[in-house]
């Protein structure tokens, strides 16, 4: 978790519960305005995707037919 995320959590924790709900709704609106269809990647998601793409390009994958499902 980033330093900013921790600061936001600390600040929200100072609020009464009813105000915390308001803060949550505001954050939801900010996120939806930034990525309305949830297609943008976080830095961690981008890193994982890049690593996965490298593994696929290098043939480092497992075929479903190679898995013993029993």
N, C-alpha and C. Protein backbone atom coordinates (compact mmCIF):
# COMPACT_ATOMS: atom_id res chain seq x y z
N UNK A 1 0.86 -1.17 0.00
CA UNK A 1 0.00 0.00 0.00
C UNK A 1 0.90 1.23 0.00
N UNK A 2 0.51 2.20 -0.79
CA UNK A 2 1.33 3.41 -0.89
C UNK A 2 1.20 4.28 0.36
N UNK A 3 2.14 5.19 0.52
CA UNK A 3 2.13 6.13 1.65
C UNK A 3 0.87 6.99 1.60
N UNK A 4 0.50 7.42 0.40
CA UNK A 4 -0.69 8.26 0.27
C UNK A 4 -1.95 7.48 0.68
N UNK A 5 -2.04 6.23 0.26
CA UNK A 5 -3.19 5.41 0.65
C UNK A 5 -3.29 5.28 2.17
N UNK A 6 -2.15 5.08 2.81
CA UNK A 6 -2.15 4.97 4.27
C UNK A 6 -2.59 6.28 4.92
N UNK A 7 -2.15 7.40 4.35
CA UNK A 7 -2.55 8.70 4.89
C UNK A 7 -4.06 8.91 4.75
N UNK A 8 -4.59 8.51 3.59
CA UNK A 8 -6.03 8.63 3.37
C UNK A 8 -6.79 7.80 4.39
N UNK A 9 -6.36 6.58 4.60
CA UNK A 9 -7.02 5.70 5.58
C UNK A 9 -6.96 6.30 6.97
N UNK A 10 -5.79 6.81 7.35
CA UNK A 10 -5.65 7.43 8.69
C UNK A 10 -6.61 8.60 8.85
N UNK A 11 -6.73 9.41 7.80
CA UNK A 11 -7.62 10.57 7.88
C UNK A 11 -9.09 10.14 7.95
N UNK A 12 -9.46 9.15 7.16
CA UNK A 12 -10.85 8.68 7.17
C UNK A 12 -11.19 8.07 8.52
N UNK A 13 -10.23 7.38 9.13
CA UNK A 13 -10.46 6.77 10.45
C UNK A 13 -10.76 7.82 11.52
N UNK A 14 -10.35 9.05 11.31
CA UNK A 14 -10.61 10.11 12.29
C UNK A 14 -12.07 10.59 12.23
N UNK A 15 -12.74 10.30 11.14
CA UNK A 15 -14.12 10.79 10.94
C UNK A 15 -15.14 9.91 11.65
N UNK A 16 -16.29 10.49 12.00
CA UNK A 16 -17.40 9.66 12.50
C UNK A 16 -17.86 8.72 11.39
N UNK A 17 -18.48 7.62 11.76
CA UNK A 17 -18.87 6.59 10.79
C UNK A 17 -19.73 7.14 9.65
N UNK A 18 -20.65 8.04 9.97
CA UNK A 18 -21.51 8.60 8.92
C UNK A 18 -20.69 9.39 7.90
N UNK A 19 -19.68 10.08 8.37
CA UNK A 19 -18.82 10.84 7.46
C UNK A 19 -17.88 9.91 6.69
N UNK A 20 -17.53 8.79 7.29
CA UNK A 20 -16.72 7.80 6.58
C UNK A 20 -17.48 7.27 5.36
N UNK A 21 -18.78 7.07 5.52
CA UNK A 21 -19.61 6.61 4.40
C UNK A 21 -19.59 7.64 3.28
N UNK A 22 -19.69 8.91 3.64
CA UNK A 22 -19.64 9.98 2.65
C UNK A 22 -18.28 9.98 1.93
N UNK A 23 -17.21 9.83 2.69
CA UNK A 23 -15.87 9.79 2.10
C UNK A 23 -15.74 8.61 1.14
N UNK A 24 -16.29 7.47 1.51
CA UNK A 24 -16.25 6.29 0.64
C UNK A 24 -16.97 6.56 -0.68
N UNK A 25 -18.13 7.18 -0.60
CA UNK A 25 -18.89 7.49 -1.81
C UNK A 25 -18.13 8.48 -2.69
N UNK A 26 -17.44 9.43 -2.08
CA UNK A 26 -16.66 10.39 -2.84
C UNK A 26 -15.49 9.69 -3.55
N UNK A 27 -14.83 8.80 -2.85
CA UNK A 27 -13.71 8.06 -3.45
C UNK A 27 -14.23 7.19 -4.60
N UNK A 28 -15.38 6.55 -4.43
CA UNK A 28 -15.97 5.74 -5.51
C UNK A 28 -16.19 6.60 -6.75
N UNK A 29 -16.73 7.80 -6.54
CA UNK A 29 -16.99 8.71 -7.68
C UNK A 29 -15.71 9.13 -8.37
N UNK A 30 -14.67 9.36 -7.58
CA UNK A 30 -13.37 9.74 -8.16
C UNK A 30 -12.83 8.59 -9.01
N UNK A 31 -12.89 7.38 -8.48
CA UNK A 31 -12.39 6.21 -9.21
C UNK A 31 -13.20 6.00 -10.49
N UNK A 32 -14.51 6.10 -10.41
CA UNK A 32 -15.34 5.93 -11.60
C UNK A 32 -15.08 7.01 -12.63
N UNK A 33 -14.83 8.22 -12.21
CA UNK A 33 -14.51 9.30 -13.14
C UNK A 33 -13.17 9.04 -13.83
N UNK A 34 -12.24 8.46 -13.10
CA UNK A 34 -10.91 8.17 -13.63
C UNK A 34 -10.95 6.98 -14.57
N UNK A 35 -11.76 5.97 -14.24
CA UNK A 35 -11.80 4.73 -15.03
C UNK A 35 -13.20 4.14 -14.96
N UNK A 36 -14.09 4.68 -15.75
CA UNK A 36 -15.51 4.33 -15.65
C UNK A 36 -15.81 2.87 -15.98
N UNK A 37 -14.97 2.23 -16.75
CA UNK A 37 -15.24 0.83 -17.07
C UNK A 37 -14.19 -0.13 -16.49
N UNK A 38 -13.41 0.37 -15.55
CA UNK A 38 -12.42 -0.43 -14.81
C UNK A 38 -11.45 -1.15 -15.74
N UNK A 39 -10.92 -0.44 -16.74
CA UNK A 39 -9.97 -1.06 -17.66
C UNK A 39 -8.54 -0.62 -17.42
N UNK A 40 -8.33 0.43 -16.65
CA UNK A 40 -6.96 0.88 -16.38
C UNK A 40 -6.31 -0.04 -15.36
N UNK A 41 -5.01 -0.16 -15.44
CA UNK A 41 -4.27 -1.03 -14.54
C UNK A 41 -3.55 -0.23 -13.48
N UNK A 42 -3.50 -0.80 -12.29
CA UNK A 42 -2.68 -0.22 -11.23
C UNK A 42 -1.22 -0.55 -11.56
N UNK A 43 -0.26 0.11 -10.93
CA UNK A 43 1.15 -0.23 -11.19
C UNK A 43 1.45 -1.71 -10.93
N UNK A 44 0.87 -2.29 -9.89
CA UNK A 44 1.10 -3.70 -9.59
C UNK A 44 0.49 -4.58 -10.67
N UNK A 45 -0.73 -4.26 -11.12
CA UNK A 45 -1.36 -5.02 -12.18
C UNK A 45 -0.56 -4.93 -13.48
N UNK A 46 -0.05 -3.73 -13.79
CA UNK A 46 0.77 -3.55 -14.99
C UNK A 46 2.02 -4.41 -14.92
N UNK A 47 2.67 -4.46 -13.75
CA UNK A 47 3.87 -5.26 -13.56
C UNK A 47 3.56 -6.75 -13.76
N UNK A 48 2.48 -7.22 -13.17
CA UNK A 48 2.10 -8.63 -13.31
C UNK A 48 1.77 -8.97 -14.76
N UNK A 49 1.07 -8.07 -15.45
CA UNK A 49 0.73 -8.31 -16.84
C UNK A 49 1.98 -8.37 -17.70
N UNK A 50 2.90 -7.44 -17.49
CA UNK A 50 4.16 -7.43 -18.24
C UNK A 50 4.93 -8.72 -18.03
N UNK A 51 5.00 -9.17 -16.78
CA UNK A 51 5.70 -10.42 -16.46
C UNK A 51 5.02 -11.60 -17.15
N UNK A 52 3.71 -11.64 -17.13
CA UNK A 52 2.96 -12.72 -17.77
C UNK A 52 3.19 -12.73 -19.28
N UNK A 53 3.20 -11.54 -19.88
CA UNK A 53 3.45 -11.45 -21.32
C UNK A 53 4.84 -11.96 -21.67
N UNK A 54 5.84 -11.66 -20.84
CA UNK A 54 7.19 -12.17 -21.06
C UNK A 54 7.23 -13.70 -20.96
N UNK A 55 6.53 -14.24 -19.96
CA UNK A 55 6.49 -15.70 -19.80
C UNK A 55 5.85 -16.37 -21.00
N UNK A 56 4.78 -15.80 -21.51
CA UNK A 56 4.10 -16.35 -22.68
C UNK A 56 5.04 -16.29 -23.89
N UNK A 57 5.71 -15.15 -24.09
CA UNK A 57 6.62 -14.99 -25.22
C UNK A 57 7.78 -15.99 -25.14
N UNK A 58 8.19 -16.35 -23.93
CA UNK A 58 9.29 -17.29 -23.73
C UNK A 58 8.81 -18.74 -23.69
N UNK A 59 7.53 -18.96 -23.89
CA UNK A 59 6.98 -20.32 -23.87
C UNK A 59 6.90 -20.91 -22.47
N UNK A 60 6.88 -20.05 -21.47
CA UNK A 60 6.84 -20.51 -20.08
C UNK A 60 5.40 -20.62 -19.59
N UNK A 61 4.61 -21.39 -20.32
CA UNK A 61 3.21 -21.57 -19.96
C UNK A 61 2.91 -23.05 -19.80
N UNK A 62 1.80 -23.36 -19.18
CA UNK A 62 1.38 -24.74 -19.00
C UNK A 62 0.05 -24.91 -19.73
N UNK A 63 -0.01 -25.90 -20.58
CA UNK A 63 -1.23 -26.18 -21.31
C UNK A 63 -2.24 -26.83 -20.37
N UNK A 64 -3.50 -26.50 -20.56
CA UNK A 64 -4.54 -27.14 -19.75
C UNK A 64 -4.56 -28.64 -19.96
N UNK A 65 -4.19 -29.10 -21.13
CA UNK A 65 -4.17 -30.54 -21.40
C UNK A 65 -3.05 -31.25 -20.64
N UNK A 66 -2.05 -30.48 -20.16
CA UNK A 66 -0.95 -31.07 -19.40
C UNK A 66 -1.27 -31.23 -17.91
N UNK A 67 -2.40 -30.70 -17.48
CA UNK A 67 -2.77 -30.74 -16.06
C UNK A 67 -3.60 -31.98 -15.78
N UNK A 68 -3.20 -32.72 -14.73
CA UNK A 68 -3.99 -33.88 -14.29
C UNK A 68 -5.06 -33.38 -13.35
N UNK A 69 -6.29 -33.36 -13.81
CA UNK A 69 -7.41 -32.82 -13.05
C UNK A 69 -7.98 -33.82 -12.06
N UNK A 70 -7.43 -35.00 -11.96
CA UNK A 70 -7.97 -36.01 -11.02
C UNK A 70 -7.25 -36.02 -9.73
